[in-house]
Amino acid sequence: TNEWDAEKVCSMIESFVNDELVPAIILWRNQGGYI
């Protein structure tokens, strides 16, 4: 997780704060309880 520069990170945070569309995050929980 080191591909984004500061501008891209800030843009993502601003999108979240401004209630804009943030693409889905796909999570999976294993049988051991980790996500």
PDB file of all heavy atoms in Angstrom:
ATOM      1  N   THR A   1       0.858  -1.175   0.000  1.00  0.00           N
ATOM      2  CA  THR A   1       0.000   0.000   0.000  1.00  0.00           C
ATOM      3  C   THR A   1       0.900   1.232   0.000  1.00  0.00           C
ATOM      4  O   THR A   1       1.049   1.927   1.000  1.00  0.00           O
ATOM      5  CB  THR A   1      -0.930  -0.017   1.227  1.00  0.00           C
ATOM      6  OG1 THR A   1      -1.506  -1.316   1.336  1.00  0.00           O
ATOM      7  CG2 THR A   1      -2.050   0.989   1.090  1.00  0.00           C
ATOM      8  N   ASN A   2       1.519   1.487  -1.146  1.00  0.00           N
ATOM      9  CA  ASN A   2       2.443   2.616  -1.271  1.00  0.00           C
ATOM     10  C   ASN A   2       2.409   3.242  -2.665  1.00  0.00           C
ATOM     11  O   ASN A   2       3.365   3.863  -3.091  1.00  0.00           O
ATOM     12  CB  ASN A   2       3.863   2.187  -0.920  1.00  0.00           C
ATOM     13  CG  ASN A   2       4.390   1.135  -1.872  1.00  0.00           C
ATOM     14  OD1 ASN A   2       3.716   0.713  -2.801  1.00  0.00           O
ATOM     15  ND2 ASN A   2       5.613   0.704  -1.638  1.00  0.00           N
ATOM     16  N   GLU A   3       1.305   3.090  -3.361  1.00  0.00           N
ATOM     17  CA  GLU A   3       1.193   3.588  -4.730  1.00  0.00           C
ATOM     18  C   GLU A   3       0.660   5.016  -4.830  1.00  0.00           C
ATOM     19  O   GLU A   3       0.811   5.660  -5.848  1.00  0.00           O
ATOM     20  CB  GLU A   3       0.271   2.674  -5.542  1.00  0.00           C
ATOM     21  CG  GLU A   3       0.741   1.241  -5.646  1.00  0.00           C
ATOM     22  CD  GLU A   3       1.953   1.084  -6.536  1.00  0.00           C
ATOM     23  OE1 GLU A   3       2.036   1.779  -7.566  1.00  0.00           O
ATOM     24  OE2 GLU A   3       2.830   0.277  -6.175  1.00  0.00           O
ATOM     25  N   TRP A   4       0.013   5.510  -3.788  1.00  0.00           N
ATOM     26  CA  TRP A   4      -0.645   6.818  -3.855  1.00  0.00           C
ATOM     27  C   TRP A   4       0.245   7.920  -3.312  1.00  0.00           C
ATOM     28  O   TRP A   4       0.949   7.730  -2.330  1.00  0.00           O
ATOM     29  CB  TRP A   4      -1.945   6.803  -3.065  1.00  0.00           C
ATOM     30  CG  TRP A   4      -3.055   6.026  -3.690  1.00  0.00           C
ATOM     31  CD1 TRP A   4      -2.978   5.193  -4.781  1.00  0.00           C
ATOM     32  CD2 TRP A   4      -4.412   5.980  -3.265  1.00  0.00           C
ATOM     33  NE1 TRP A   4      -4.198   4.654  -5.048  1.00  0.00           N
ATOM     34  CE2 TRP A   4      -5.102   5.120  -4.140  1.00  0.00           C
ATOM     35  CE3 TRP A   4      -5.103   6.580  -2.232  1.00  0.00           C
ATOM     36  CZ2 TRP A   4      -6.460   4.857  -4.009  1.00  0.00           C
ATOM     37  CZ3 TRP A   4      -6.454   6.323  -2.093  1.00  0.00           C
ATOM     38  CH2 TRP A   4      -7.128   5.471  -2.983  1.00  0.00           C
ATOM     39  N   ASP A   5       0.162   9.095  -3.951  1.00  0.00           N
ATOM     40  CA  ASP A   5       0.857  10.265  -3.423  1.00  0.00           C
ATOM     41  C   ASP A   5      -0.081  11.033  -2.494  1.00  0.00           C
ATOM     42  O   ASP A   5      -1.250  10.663  -2.317  1.00  0.00           O
ATOM     43  CB  ASP A   5       1.375  11.155  -4.554  1.00  0.00           C
ATOM     44  CG  ASP A   5       0.277  11.683  -5.468  1.00  0.00           C
ATOM     45  OD1 ASP A   5      -0.910  11.666  -5.090  1.00  0.00           O
ATOM     46  OD2 ASP A   5       0.608  12.138  -6.577  1.00  0.00           O
ATOM     47  N   ALA A   6       0.415  12.102  -1.890  1.00  0.00           N
ATOM     48  CA  ALA A   6      -0.358  12.871  -0.914  1.00  0.00           C
ATOM     49  C   ALA A   6      -1.640  13.433  -1.532  1.00  0.00           C
ATOM     50  O   ALA A   6      -2.692  13.452  -0.874  1.00  0.00           O
ATOM     51  CB  ALA A   6       0.495  13.999  -0.343  1.00  0.00           C
ATOM     52  N   GLU A   7      -1.578  13.860  -2.771  1.00  0.00           N
ATOM     53  CA  GLU A   7      -2.762  14.414  -3.432  1.00  0.00           C
ATOM     54  C   GLU A   7      -3.874  13.374  -3.560  1.00  0.00           C
ATOM     55  O   GLU A   7      -5.043  13.657  -3.319  1.00  0.00           O
ATOM     56  CB  GLU A   7      -2.375  14.950  -4.813  1.00  0.00           C
ATOM     57  CG  GLU A   7      -3.501  15.657  -5.516  1.00  0.00           C
ATOM     58  CD  GLU A   7      -3.046  16.275  -6.829  1.00  0.00           C
ATOM     59  OE1 GLU A   7      -1.914  16.770  -6.899  1.00  0.00           O
ATOM     60  OE2 GLU A   7      -3.852  16.257  -7.782  1.00  0.00           O
ATOM     61  N   LYS A   8      -3.514  12.156  -3.923  1.00  0.00           N
ATOM     62  CA  LYS A   8      -4.508  11.090  -4.076  1.00  0.00           C
ATOM     63  C   LYS A   8      -5.105  10.696  -2.716  1.00  0.00           C
ATOM     64  O   LYS A   8      -6.307  10.468  -2.604  1.00  0.00           O
ATOM     65  CB  LYS A   8      -3.852   9.877  -4.748  1.00  0.00           C
ATOM     66  CG  LYS A   8      -4.774   8.750  -5.037  1.00  0.00           C
ATOM     67  CD  LYS A   8      -5.129   8.683  -6.470  1.00  0.00           C
ATOM     68  CE  LYS A   8      -5.995   7.459  -6.704  1.00  0.00           C
ATOM     69  NZ  LYS A   8      -6.436   7.335  -8.032  1.00  0.00           N
ATOM     70  N   VAL A   9      -4.266  10.622  -1.685  1.00  0.00           N
ATOM     71  CA  VAL A   9      -4.747  10.302  -0.338  1.00  0.00           C
ATOM     72  C   VAL A   9      -5.712  11.395   0.128  1.00  0.00           C
ATOM     73  O   VAL A   9      -6.802  11.100   0.629  1.00  0.00           O
ATOM     74  CB  VAL A   9      -3.571  10.130   0.656  1.00  0.00           C
ATOM     75  CG1 VAL A   9      -4.072  10.040   2.090  1.00  0.00           C
ATOM     76  CG2 VAL A   9      -2.750   8.893   0.301  1.00  0.00           C
ATOM     77  N   CYS A  10      -5.326  12.657  -0.065  1.00  0.00           N
ATOM     78  CA  CYS A  10      -6.197  13.779   0.339  1.00  0.00           C
ATOM     79  C   CYS A  10      -7.508  13.761  -0.428  1.00  0.00           C
ATOM     80  O   CYS A  10      -8.575  14.014   0.147  1.00  0.00           O
ATOM     81  CB  CYS A  10      -5.479  15.106   0.115  1.00  0.00           C
ATOM     82  SG  CYS A  10      -4.220  15.448   1.341  1.00  0.00           S
ATOM     83  N   SER A  11      -7.443  13.446  -1.702  1.00  0.00           N
ATOM     84  CA  SER A  11      -8.657  13.384  -2.526  1.00  0.00           C
ATOM     85  C   SER A  11      -9.606  12.309  -2.012  1.00  0.00           C
ATOM     86  O   SER A  11     -10.824  12.511  -1.963  1.00  0.00           O
ATOM     87  CB  SER A  11      -8.272  13.116  -3.980  1.00  0.00           C
ATOM     88  OG  SER A  11      -9.408  12.983  -4.780  1.00  0.00           O
ATOM     89  N   MET A  12      -9.068  11.177  -1.617  1.00  0.00           N
ATOM     90  CA  MET A  12      -9.892  10.095  -1.081  1.00  0.00           C
ATOM     91  C   MET A  12     -10.567  10.535   0.216  1.00  0.00           C
ATOM     92  O   MET A  12     -11.765  10.325   0.411  1.00  0.00           O
ATOM     93  CB  MET A  12      -9.017   8.859  -0.853  1.00  0.00           C
ATOM     94  CG  MET A  12      -9.667   7.734  -0.110  1.00  0.00           C
ATOM     95  SD  MET A  12     -11.086   7.074  -0.962  1.00  0.00           S
ATOM     96  CE  MET A  12     -12.009   6.519   0.442  1.00  0.00           C
ATOM     97  N   ILE A  13      -9.809  11.155   1.097  1.00  0.00           N
ATOM     98  CA  ILE A  13     -10.353  11.608   2.381  1.00  0.00           C
ATOM     99  C   ILE A  13     -11.416  12.687   2.152  1.00  0.00           C
ATOM    100  O   ILE A  13     -12.482  12.653   2.774  1.00  0.00           O
ATOM    101  CB  ILE A  13      -9.218  12.112   3.298  1.00  0.00           C
ATOM    102  CG1 ILE A  13      -8.305  10.937   3.669  1.00  0.00           C
ATOM    103  CG2 ILE A  13      -9.775  12.782   4.551  1.00  0.00           C
ATOM    104  CD1 ILE A  13      -6.985  11.338   4.281  1.00  0.00           C
ATOM    105  N   GLU A  14     -11.146  13.615   1.250  1.00  0.00           N
ATOM    106  CA  GLU A  14     -12.123  14.666   0.940  1.00  0.00           C
ATOM    107  C   GLU A  14     -13.409  14.081   0.380  1.00  0.00           C
ATOM    108  O   GLU A  14     -14.505  14.526   0.725  1.00  0.00           O
ATOM    109  CB  GLU A  14     -11.531  15.671  -0.039  1.00  0.00           C
ATOM    110  CG  GLU A  14     -10.519  16.596   0.587  1.00  0.00           C
ATOM    111  CD  GLU A  14      -9.829  17.499  -0.425  1.00  0.00           C
ATOM    112  OE1 GLU A  14     -10.033  17.335  -1.653  1.00  0.00           O
ATOM    113  OE2 GLU A  14      -9.080  18.383   0.028  1.00  0.00           O
ATOM    114  N   SER A  15     -13.299  13.084  -0.472  1.00  0.00           N
ATOM    115  CA  SER A  15     -14.495  12.425  -1.021  1.00  0.00           C
ATOM    116  C   SER A  15     -15.332  11.823   0.095  1.00  0.00           C
ATOM    117  O   SER A  15     -16.559  11.942   0.103  1.00  0.00           O
ATOM    118  CB  SER A  15     -14.103  11.329  -2.015  1.00  0.00           C
ATOM    119  OG  SER A  15     -13.513  11.879  -3.151  1.00  0.00           O
ATOM    120  N   PHE A  16     -14.676  11.196   1.040  1.00  0.00           N
ATOM    121  CA  PHE A  16     -15.378  10.595   2.175  1.00  0.00           C
ATOM    122  C   PHE A  16     -16.049  11.667   3.032  1.00  0.00           C
ATOM    123  O   PHE A  16     -17.232  11.574   3.360  1.00  0.00           O
ATOM    124  CB  PHE A  16     -14.397   9.765   3.012  1.00  0.00           C
ATOM    125  CG  PHE A  16     -15.004   9.168   4.238  1.00  0.00           C
ATOM    126  CD1 PHE A  16     -15.775   8.020   4.154  1.00  0.00           C
ATOM    127  CD2 PHE A  16     -14.819   9.758   5.477  1.00  0.00           C
ATOM    128  CE1 PHE A  16     -16.350   7.465   5.295  1.00  0.00           C
ATOM    129  CE2 PHE A  16     -15.382   9.215   6.620  1.00  0.00           C
ATOM    130  CZ  PHE A  16     -16.153   8.066   6.522  1.00  0.00           C
ATOM    131  N   VAL A  17     -15.293  12.699   3.393  1.00  0.00           N
ATOM    132  CA  VAL A  17     -15.810  13.772   4.250  1.00  0.00           C
ATOM    133  C   VAL A  17     -16.971  14.501   3.579  1.00  0.00           C
ATOM    134  O   VAL A  17     -17.950  14.863   4.235  1.00  0.00           O
ATOM    135  CB  VAL A  17     -14.674  14.755   4.624  1.00  0.00           C
ATOM    136  CG1 VAL A  17     -15.220  16.009   5.274  1.00  0.00           C
ATOM    137  CG2 VAL A  17     -13.668  14.075   5.534  1.00  0.00           C
ATOM    138  N   ASN A  18     -16.889  14.690   2.268  1.00  0.00           N
ATOM    139  CA  ASN A  18     -17.922  15.411   1.525  1.00  0.00           C
ATOM    140  C   ASN A  18     -19.077  14.516   1.090  1.00  0.00           C
ATOM    141  O   ASN A  18     -19.922  14.940   0.309  1.00  0.00           O
ATOM    142  CB  ASN A  18     -17.308  16.109   0.311  1.00  0.00           C
ATOM    143  CG  ASN A  18     -16.350  17.205   0.714  1.00  0.00           C
ATOM    144  OD1 ASN A  18     -16.509  17.836   1.752  1.00  0.00           O
ATOM    145  ND2 ASN A  18     -15.330  17.416  -0.104  1.00  0.00           N
ATOM    146  N   ASP A  19     -19.088  13.274   1.601  1.00  0.00           N
ATOM    147  CA  ASP A  19     -20.166  12.330   1.306  1.00  0.00           C
ATOM    148  C   ASP A  19     -20.318  12.066  -0.188  1.00  0.00           C
ATOM    149  O   ASP A  19     -21.420  11.904  -0.707  1.00  0.00           O
ATOM    150  CB  ASP A  19     -21.486  12.828   1.903  1.00  0.00           C
ATOM    151  CG  ASP A  19     -22.465  11.699   2.177  1.00  0.00           C
ATOM    152  OD1 ASP A  19     -22.007  10.544   2.333  1.00  0.00           O
ATOM    153  OD2 ASP A  19     -23.680  11.967   2.211  1.00  0.00           O
ATOM    154  N   GLU A  20     -19.190  12.043  -0.875  1.00  0.00           N
ATOM    155  CA  GLU A  20     -19.177  11.721  -2.295  1.00  0.00           C
ATOM    156  C   GLU A  20     -19.030  10.212  -2.474  1.00  0.00           C
ATOM    157  O   GLU A  20     -18.762   9.484  -1.522  1.00  0.00           O
ATOM    158  CB  GLU A  20     -18.023  12.447  -2.992  1.00  0.00           C
ATOM    159  CG  GLU A  20     -18.154  13.961  -2.942  1.00  0.00           C
ATOM    160  CD  GLU A  20     -16.925  14.675  -3.466  1.00  0.00           C
ATOM    161  OE1 GLU A  20     -15.942  14.012  -3.863  1.00  0.00           O
ATOM    162  OE2 GLU A  20     -16.943  15.922  -3.458  1.00  0.00           O
ATOM    163  N   LEU A  21     -19.181   9.777  -3.693  1.00  0.00           N
ATOM    164  CA  LEU A  21     -19.078   8.352  -3.992  1.00  0.00           C
ATOM    165  C   LEU A  21     -17.663   7.847  -3.719  1.00  0.00           C
ATOM    166  O   LEU A  21     -16.686   8.402  -4.214  1.00  0.00           O
ATOM    167  CB  LEU A  21     -19.437   8.087  -5.454  1.00  0.00           C
ATOM    168  CG  LEU A  21     -19.316   6.635  -5.913  1.00  0.00           C
ATOM    169  CD1 LEU A  21     -20.333   5.773  -5.172  1.00  0.00           C
ATOM    170  CD2 LEU A  21     -19.513   6.530  -7.404  1.00  0.00           C
ATOM    171  N   VAL A  22     -17.577   6.827  -2.902  1.00  0.00           N
ATOM    172  CA  VAL A  22     -16.319   6.123  -2.650  1.00  0.00           C
ATOM    173  C   VAL A  22     -16.551   4.696  -3.132  1.00  0.00           C
ATOM    174  O   VAL A  22     -17.489   4.040  -2.669  1.00  0.00           O
ATOM    175  CB  VAL A  22     -15.951   6.141  -1.147  1.00  0.00           C
ATOM    176  CG1 VAL A  22     -14.727   5.290  -0.882  1.00  0.00           C
ATOM    177  CG2 VAL A  22     -15.732   7.570  -0.667  1.00  0.00           C
ATOM    178  N   PRO A  23     -15.743   4.219  -4.070  1.00  0.00           N
ATOM    179  CA  PRO A  23     -15.956   2.853  -4.574  1.00  0.00           C
ATOM    180  C   PRO A  23     -15.974   1.824  -3.446  1.00  0.00           C
ATOM    181  O   PRO A  23     -15.339   2.006  -2.402  1.00  0.00           O
ATOM    182  CB  PRO A  23     -14.761   2.624  -5.502  1.00  0.00           C
ATOM    183  CG  PRO A  23     -14.348   4.002  -5.910  1.00  0.00           C
ATOM    184  CD  PRO A  23     -14.615   4.877  -4.711  1.00  0.00           C
ATOM    185  N   ALA A  24     -16.695   0.764  -3.670  1.00  0.00           N
ATOM    186  CA  ALA A  24     -16.855  -0.290  -2.668  1.00  0.00           C
ATOM    187  C   ALA A  24     -15.512  -0.871  -2.252  1.00  0.00           C
ATOM    188  O   ALA A  24     -14.569  -0.936  -3.037  1.00  0.00           O
ATOM    189  CB  ALA A  24     -17.746  -1.402  -3.222  1.00  0.00           C
ATOM    190  N   ILE A  25     -15.461  -1.273  -1.023  1.00  0.00           N
ATOM    191  CA  ILE A  25     -14.312  -1.988  -0.469  1.00  0.00           C
ATOM    192  C   ILE A  25     -14.786  -3.408  -0.221  1.00  0.00           C
ATOM    193  O   ILE A  25     -15.818  -3.615   0.423  1.00  0.00           O
ATOM    194  CB  ILE A  25     -13.814  -1.314   0.817  1.00  0.00           C
ATOM    195  CG1 ILE A  25     -13.276   0.081   0.492  1.00  0.00           C
ATOM    196  CG2 ILE A  25     -12.769  -2.168   1.514  1.00  0.00           C
ATOM    197  CD1 ILE A  25     -12.977   0.931   1.693  1.00  0.00           C
ATOM    198  N   ILE A  26     -14.063  -4.365  -0.748  1.00  0.00           N
ATOM    199  CA  ILE A  26     -14.479  -5.759  -0.621  1.00  0.00           C
ATOM    200  C   ILE A  26     -13.681  -6.425   0.492  1.00  0.00           C
ATOM    201  O   ILE A  26     -12.448  -6.451   0.464  1.00  0.00           O
ATOM    202  CB  ILE A  26     -14.300  -6.514  -1.954  1.00  0.00           C
ATOM    203  CG1 ILE A  26     -15.148  -5.845  -3.041  1.00  0.00           C
ATOM    204  CG2 ILE A  26     -14.675  -7.990  -1.791  1.00  0.00           C
ATOM    205  CD1 ILE A  26     -14.918  -6.383  -4.426  1.00  0.00           C
ATOM    206  N   LEU A  27     -14.415  -6.936   1.473  1.00  0.00           N
ATOM    207  CA  LEU A  27     -13.815  -7.596   2.632  1.00  0.00           C
ATOM    208  C   LEU A  27     -14.288  -9.041   2.700  1.00  0.00           C
ATOM    209  O   LEU A  27     -15.389  -9.356   2.254  1.00  0.00           O
ATOM    210  CB  LEU A  27     -14.221  -6.866   3.921  1.00  0.00           C
ATOM    211  CG  LEU A  27     -13.911  -5.373   3.990  1.00  0.00           C
ATOM    212  CD1 LEU A  27     -14.543  -4.767   5.243  1.00  0.00           C
ATOM    213  CD2 LEU A  27     -12.421  -5.128   3.971  1.00  0.00           C
ATOM    214  N   TRP A  28     -13.460  -9.891   3.298  1.00  0.00           N
ATOM    215  CA  TRP A  28     -13.817 -11.295   3.486  1.00  0.00           C
ATOM    216  C   TRP A  28     -13.322 -11.726   4.863  1.00  0.00           C
ATOM    217  O   TRP A  28     -12.182 -11.451   5.229  1.00  0.00           O
ATOM    218  CB  TRP A  28     -13.168 -12.149   2.402  1.00  0.00           C
ATOM    219  CG  TRP A  28     -13.337 -13.618   2.600  1.00  0.00           C
ATOM    220  CD1 TRP A  28     -14.460 -14.354   2.412  1.00  0.00           C
ATOM    221  CD2 TRP A  28     -12.321 -14.548   3.031  1.00  0.00           C
ATOM    222  NE1 TRP A  28     -14.223 -15.672   2.700  1.00  0.00           N
ATOM    223  CE2 TRP A  28     -12.918 -15.821   3.079  1.00  0.00           C
ATOM    224  CE3 TRP A  28     -10.985 -14.409   3.383  1.00  0.00           C
ATOM    225  CZ2 TRP A  28     -12.206 -16.946   3.473  1.00  0.00           C
ATOM    226  CZ3 TRP A  28     -10.278 -15.523   3.769  1.00  0.00           C
ATOM    227  CH2 TRP A  28     -10.902 -16.793   3.802  1.00  0.00           C
ATOM    228  N   ARG A  29     -14.189 -12.375   5.618  1.00  0.00           N
ATOM    229  CA  ARG A  29     -13.795 -12.869   6.948  1.00  0.00           C
ATOM    230  C   ARG A  29     -13.490 -14.355   6.858  1.00  0.00           C
ATOM    231  O   ARG A  29     -14.324 -15.150   6.413  1.00  0.00           O
ATOM    232  CB  ARG A  29     -14.899 -12.608   7.969  1.00  0.00           C
ATOM    233  CG  ARG A  29     -14.459 -12.985   9.378  1.00  0.00           C
ATOM    234  CD  ARG A  29     -15.482 -12.670  10.444  1.00  0.00           C
ATOM    235  NE  ARG A  29     -16.734 -13.322  10.139  1.00  0.00           N
ATOM    236  CZ  ARG A  29     -17.926 -12.749  10.270  1.00  0.00           C
ATOM    237  NH1 ARG A  29     -18.032 -11.521  10.672  1.00  0.00           N
ATOM    238  NH2 ARG A  29     -19.012 -13.420   9.992  1.00  0.00           N
ATOM    239  N   ASN A  30     -12.297 -14.734   7.305  1.00  0.00           N
ATOM    240  CA  ASN A  30     -11.944 -16.152   7.285  1.00  0.00           C
ATOM    241  C   ASN A  30     -12.545 -16.854   8.500  1.00  0.00           C
ATOM    242  O   ASN A  30     -13.124 -16.224   9.381  1.00  0.00           O
ATOM    243  CB  ASN A  30     -10.424 -16.352   7.187  1.00  0.00           C
ATOM    244  CG  ASN A  30      -9.680 -16.068   8.481  1.00  0.00           C
ATOM    245  OD1 ASN A  30     -10.219 -15.546   9.455  1.00  0.00           O
ATOM    246  ND2 ASN A  30      -8.397 -16.410   8.498  1.00  0.00           N
ATOM    247  N   GLN A  31     -12.404 -18.165   8.553  1.00  0.00           N
ATOM    248  CA  GLN A  31     -12.973 -18.933   9.661  1.00  0.00           C
ATOM    249  C   GLN A  31     -12.294 -18.616  10.983  1.00  0.00           C
ATOM    250  O   GLN A  31     -12.853 -18.848  12.042  1.00  0.00           O
ATOM    251  CB  GLN A  31     -12.881 -20.431   9.366  1.00  0.00           C
ATOM    252  CG  GLN A  31     -13.815 -20.855   8.268  1.00  0.00           C
ATOM    253  CD  GLN A  31     -13.753 -22.356   8.027  1.00  0.00           C
ATOM    254  OE1 GLN A  31     -12.822 -23.038   8.440  1.00  0.00           O
ATOM    255  NE2 GLN A  31     -14.759 -22.877   7.347  1.00  0.00           N
ATOM    256  N   GLY A  32     -11.096 -18.069  10.917  1.00  0.00           N
ATOM    257  CA  GLY A  32     -10.376 -17.712  12.133  1.00  0.00           C
ATOM    258  C   GLY A  32     -10.787 -16.374  12.713  1.00  0.00           C
ATOM    259  O   GLY A  32     -10.330 -15.988  13.773  1.00  0.00           O
ATOM    260  N   GLY A  33     -11.626 -15.622  12.014  1.00  0.00           N
ATOM    261  CA  GLY A  33     -12.121 -14.359  12.538  1.00  0.00           C
ATOM    262  C   GLY A  33     -11.439 -13.117  12.004  1.00  0.00           C
ATOM    263  O   GLY A  33     -11.833 -12.009  12.347  1.00  0.00           O
ATOM    264  N   TYR A  34     -10.401 -13.282  11.182  1.00  0.00           N
ATOM    265  CA  TYR A  34      -9.745 -12.117  10.599  1.00  0.00           C
ATOM    266  C   TYR A  34     -10.538 -11.614   9.397  1.00  0.00           C
ATOM    267  O   TYR A  34     -11.192 -12.389   8.699  1.00  0.00           O
ATOM    268  CB  TYR A  34      -8.317 -12.441  10.177  1.00  0.00           C
ATOM    269  CG  TYR A  34      -7.373 -12.477  11.342  1.00  0.00           C
ATOM    270  CD1 TYR A  34      -6.954 -13.682  11.884  1.00  0.00           C
ATOM    271  CD2 TYR A  34      -6.898 -11.302  11.909  1.00  0.00           C
ATOM    272  CE1 TYR A  34      -6.086 -13.718  12.965  1.00  0.00           C
ATOM    273  CE2 TYR A  34      -6.036 -11.323  12.986  1.00  0.00           C
ATOM    274  CZ  TYR A  34      -5.632 -12.533  13.503  1.00  0.00           C
ATOM    275  OH  TYR A  34      -4.781 -12.559  14.577  1.00  0.00           O
ATOM    276  N   ILE A  35     -10.467 -10.312   9.161  1.00  0.00           N
ATOM    277  CA  ILE A  35     -11.169  -9.676   8.047  1.00  0.00           C
ATOM    278  C   ILE A  35     -10.127  -9.257   7.021  1.00  0.00           C
ATOM    279  O   ILE A  35      -9.265  -8.416   7.312  1.00  0.00           O
ATOM    280  CB  ILE A  35     -11.972  -8.459   8.539  1.00  0.00           C
ATOM    281  CG1 ILE A  35     -12.954  -8.893   9.624  1.00  0.00           C
ATOM    282  CG2 ILE A  35     -12.681  -7.783   7.376  1.00  0.00           C
ATOM    283  CD1 ILE A  35     -13.513  -7.751  10.443  1.00  0.00           C
TER     284      ILE A  35
END
